[in-house]
Amino acid sequence: MYRAVGSSCFVNRPFTIKVQNLLIVIARGSNRHGAESCSRQEENVLSVAPASTVIDLVHQAAELFSGLENRARETEARAHSLCKNALERLELAEKRIETVERERHEAINEADGKLRDASKALEQARLRLEAAEDQVRAAEFRAQAAEAKAREAKHALALVEEAIRSRFLSASPEAVTF
């Protein structure tokens, strides 16, 4: 896009002729030798060009540079706007992350508390179940003991009945009827 004009001048290709002519005019005013080293052919063109053309070239160059400056300012403003928007989105995302992390931490703490409560309730239920099982076993032992006593009592009653029958039957066999 850039090319050398003469020995050490670099300019933008689309604007080369206008800027070269401007550089030659400026160089003539301050340093005639520098303009000659930049481009001798353009010097011949300017020596023939009227002053109004040179002034027009200066105005065109000024407009060109003014347009470039305006575009640079607009680009810089857009860049600042984009940076500001990106920063705002980043800050918003960071706040959302903080909120989500805080909510996650709260949920973990709440779940941990519920888990501890459930664990305590489970332990209490286990203890109550063990106590109920102990009571059932004790009741079963008492029932077995009562059944054993009832069998013994029934057996004793059967023995008493047998003894009574055998005594009454041996005394008078017709008198005893149950």
Protein backbone atom coordinates (compact mmCIF):
# COMPACT_ATOMS: atom_id res chain seq x y z
CA MET A 1 0.00 0.00 0.00
CA TYR A 2 2.92 2.37 0.67
CA ARG A 3 5.68 3.18 -1.78
CA ALA A 4 8.76 5.26 -1.73
CA VAL A 5 8.80 8.56 -3.57
CA GLY A 6 12.32 9.61 -4.26
CA SER A 7 14.85 8.55 -1.66
CA SER A 8 13.04 8.60 1.69
CA CYS A 9 9.37 9.65 1.31
CA PHE A 10 6.51 7.16 1.98
CA VAL A 11 2.94 8.01 1.10
CA ASN A 12 -0.39 6.27 0.62
CA ARG A 13 -0.78 5.01 -2.95
CA PRO A 14 -4.28 6.43 -3.76
CA PHE A 15 -3.19 9.90 -2.70
CA THR A 16 0.39 9.80 -4.00
CA ILE A 17 0.18 12.47 -6.69
CA LYS A 18 -1.68 14.99 -4.53
CA VAL A 19 0.56 14.46 -1.52
CA GLN A 20 3.72 14.41 -3.64
CA ASN A 21 2.75 17.71 -5.19
CA LEU A 22 1.97 19.13 -1.75
CA LEU A 23 5.30 17.91 -0.39
CA ILE A 24 7.12 19.54 -3.27
CA VAL A 25 5.35 22.86 -2.73
CA ILE A 26 6.07 22.73 1.00
CA ALA A 27 9.66 21.71 0.36
CA ARG A 28 10.13 24.59 -2.07
CA GLY A 29 9.13 27.02 0.59
CA SER A 30 11.47 25.64 3.25
CA ASN A 31 14.09 23.48 1.60
CA ARG A 32 14.42 23.48 -2.16
CA HIS A 33 17.17 20.86 -2.11
CA GLY A 34 14.98 18.34 -0.14
CA ALA A 35 12.20 18.66 -2.69
CA GLU A 36 14.62 18.01 -5.51
CA SER A 37 15.89 14.86 -3.82
CA CYS A 38 12.30 13.62 -3.30
CA SER A 39 11.19 13.92 -6.91
CA ARG A 40 12.58 15.97 -9.78
CA GLN A 41 9.75 15.11 -12.17
CA GLU A 42 7.06 16.62 -9.95
CA GLU A 43 9.09 19.84 -9.75
CA ASN A 44 8.68 20.28 -13.48
CA VAL A 45 4.93 19.75 -13.14
CA LEU A 46 4.62 22.33 -10.35
CA SER A 47 6.71 24.91 -12.08
CA VAL A 48 4.10 24.86 -14.84
CA ALA A 49 1.06 24.56 -12.50
CA PRO A 50 -0.78 27.74 -11.56
CA ALA A 51 -0.90 28.90 -7.93
CA SER A 52 -4.63 28.10 -7.69
CA THR A 53 -3.90 24.44 -8.45
CA VAL A 54 -1.32 24.33 -5.70
CA ILE A 55 -3.77 25.95 -3.28
CA ASP A 56 -6.45 23.47 -4.37
CA LEU A 57 -4.00 20.65 -3.71
CA VAL A 58 -3.24 22.03 -0.26
CA HIS A 59 -6.99 22.28 0.48
CA GLN A 60 -7.58 18.74 -0.80
CA ALA A 61 -4.74 17.46 1.38
CA ALA A 62 -6.15 19.33 4.37
CA GLU A 63 -9.61 17.86 3.70
CA LEU A 64 -8.05 14.44 3.31
CA PHE A 65 -6.21 14.71 6.61
CA SER A 66 -9.29 16.17 8.29
CA GLY A 67 -11.36 13.23 7.03
CA LEU A 68 -8.72 10.81 8.25
CA GLU A 69 -8.69 12.49 11.65
CA ASN A 70 -12.51 12.37 11.82
CA ARG A 71 -12.53 8.67 10.91
CA ALA A 72 -9.82 8.06 13.49
CA ARG A 73 -11.88 9.87 16.15
CA GLU A 74 -15.01 7.92 15.17
CA THR A 75 -13.07 4.66 15.25
CA GLU A 76 -11.61 5.56 18.62
CA ALA A 77 -15.08 6.48 19.93
CA ARG A 78 -16.48 3.16 18.66
CA ALA A 79 -13.57 1.32 20.24
CA HIS A 80 -14.18 3.10 23.56
CA SER A 81 -17.88 2.30 23.29
CA LEU A 82 -17.16 -1.35 22.54
CA CYS A 83 -14.71 -1.53 25.43
CA LYS A 84 -17.20 0.13 27.76
CA ASN A 85 -19.96 -2.28 26.68
CA ALA A 86 -17.64 -5.25 27.03
CA LEU A 87 -16.60 -4.06 30.48
CA GLU A 88 -20.24 -3.62 31.51
CA ARG A 89 -21.11 -7.10 30.23
CA LEU A 90 -18.08 -8.51 32.04
CA GLU A 91 -19.07 -6.81 35.30
CA LEU A 92 -22.65 -8.05 34.88
CA ALA A 93 -21.39 -11.58 34.20
CA GLU A 94 -19.14 -11.40 37.27
CA LYS A 95 -22.10 -10.27 39.40
CA ARG A 96 -24.18 -13.14 38.02
CA ILE A 97 -21.35 -15.55 38.78
CA GLU A 98 -21.09 -14.19 42.32
CA THR A 99 -24.86 -14.49 42.76
CA VAL A 100 -24.90 -18.04 41.43
CA GLU A 101 -21.95 -19.01 43.61
CA ARG A 102 -23.60 -17.46 46.67
CA GLU A 103 -26.88 -19.24 45.89
CA ARG A 104 -25.00 -22.49 45.32
CA HIS A 105 -23.19 -22.07 48.63
CA GLU A 106 -26.50 -21.33 50.38
CA ALA A 107 -28.12 -24.35 48.73
CA ILE A 108 -25.21 -26.54 49.81
CA ASN A 109 -25.47 -25.23 53.37
CA GLU A 110 -29.24 -25.72 53.36
CA ALA A 111 -28.88 -29.24 51.97
CA ASP A 112 -26.20 -29.98 54.53
CA GLY A 113 -28.50 -28.78 57.33
CA LYS A 114 -31.38 -30.85 55.97
CA LEU A 115 -29.07 -33.84 55.68
CA ARG A 116 -27.96 -33.41 59.31
CA ASP A 117 -31.62 -33.08 60.38
CA ALA A 118 -32.58 -36.16 58.38
CA SER A 119 -29.63 -38.04 59.82
CA LYS A 120 -30.70 -37.10 63.36
CA ALA A 121 -34.31 -38.08 62.61
CA LEU A 122 -33.13 -41.38 61.13
CA GLU A 123 -30.99 -42.07 64.20
CA GLN A 124 -33.93 -41.27 66.50
CA ALA A 125 -36.20 -43.51 64.42
CA ARG A 126 -33.58 -46.28 64.59
CA LEU A 127 -33.38 -45.91 68.38
CA ARG A 128 -37.20 -45.95 68.68
CA LEU A 129 -37.33 -49.04 66.44
CA GLU A 130 -34.71 -50.79 68.59
CA ALA A 131 -36.68 -49.86 71.71
CA ALA A 132 -39.90 -51.13 70.12
CA GLU A 133 -38.15 -54.36 69.07
CA ASP A 134 -36.85 -54.77 72.63
CA GLN A 135 -40.40 -54.24 73.93
CA VAL A 136 -41.76 -56.79 71.45
CA ARG A 137 -39.09 -59.32 72.49
CA ALA A 138 -39.88 -58.68 76.16
CA ALA A 139 -43.61 -59.09 75.45
CA GLU A 140 -42.87 -62.31 73.55
CA PHE A 141 -40.86 -63.64 76.51
CA ARG A 142 -43.66 -62.66 78.89
CA ALA A 143 -46.21 -64.30 76.56
CA GLN A 144 -44.09 -67.46 76.40
CA ALA A 145 -43.75 -67.43 80.16
CA ALA A 146 -47.51 -66.89 80.54
CA GLU A 147 -48.18 -69.70 78.06
CA ALA A 148 -45.83 -71.95 80.02
CA LYS A 149 -47.60 -71.05 83.28
CA ALA A 150 -50.97 -71.56 81.62
CA ARG A 151 -49.86 -75.00 80.42
CA GLU A 152 -48.60 -75.80 83.89
CA ALA A 153 -51.85 -74.54 85.42
CA LYS A 154 -53.88 -76.52 82.89
CA HIS A 155 -51.80 -79.57 83.61
CA ALA A 156 -52.19 -79.01 87.35
CA LEU A 157 -55.94 -78.51 86.89
CA ALA A 158 -56.12 -81.70 84.86
CA LEU A 159 -54.29 -83.49 87.65
CA VAL A 160 -56.66 -82.02 90.25
CA GLU A 161 -59.68 -83.02 88.16
CA GLU A 162 -58.26 -86.51 87.75
CA ALA A 163 -57.60 -86.73 91.43
CA ILE A 164 -61.13 -85.53 92.24
CA ARG A 165 -62.66 -88.00 89.81
CA SER A 166 -60.64 -90.83 90.98
CA ARG A 167 -61.57 -90.05 94.58
CA PHE A 168 -65.25 -89.59 93.91
CA LEU A 169 -65.38 -92.47 91.55
CA SER A 170 -63.75 -94.71 93.97
CA ALA A 171 -66.19 -93.55 96.67
CA SER A 172 -69.33 -93.68 94.58
CA PRO A 173 -69.18 -94.14 90.90
CA GLU A 174 -72.75 -92.89 90.19
CA ALA A 175 -72.60 -89.69 92.15
CA VAL A 176 -70.01 -87.82 90.11
CA THR A 177 -71.20 -86.29 86.88
CA PHE A 178 -69.86 -83.28 85.32
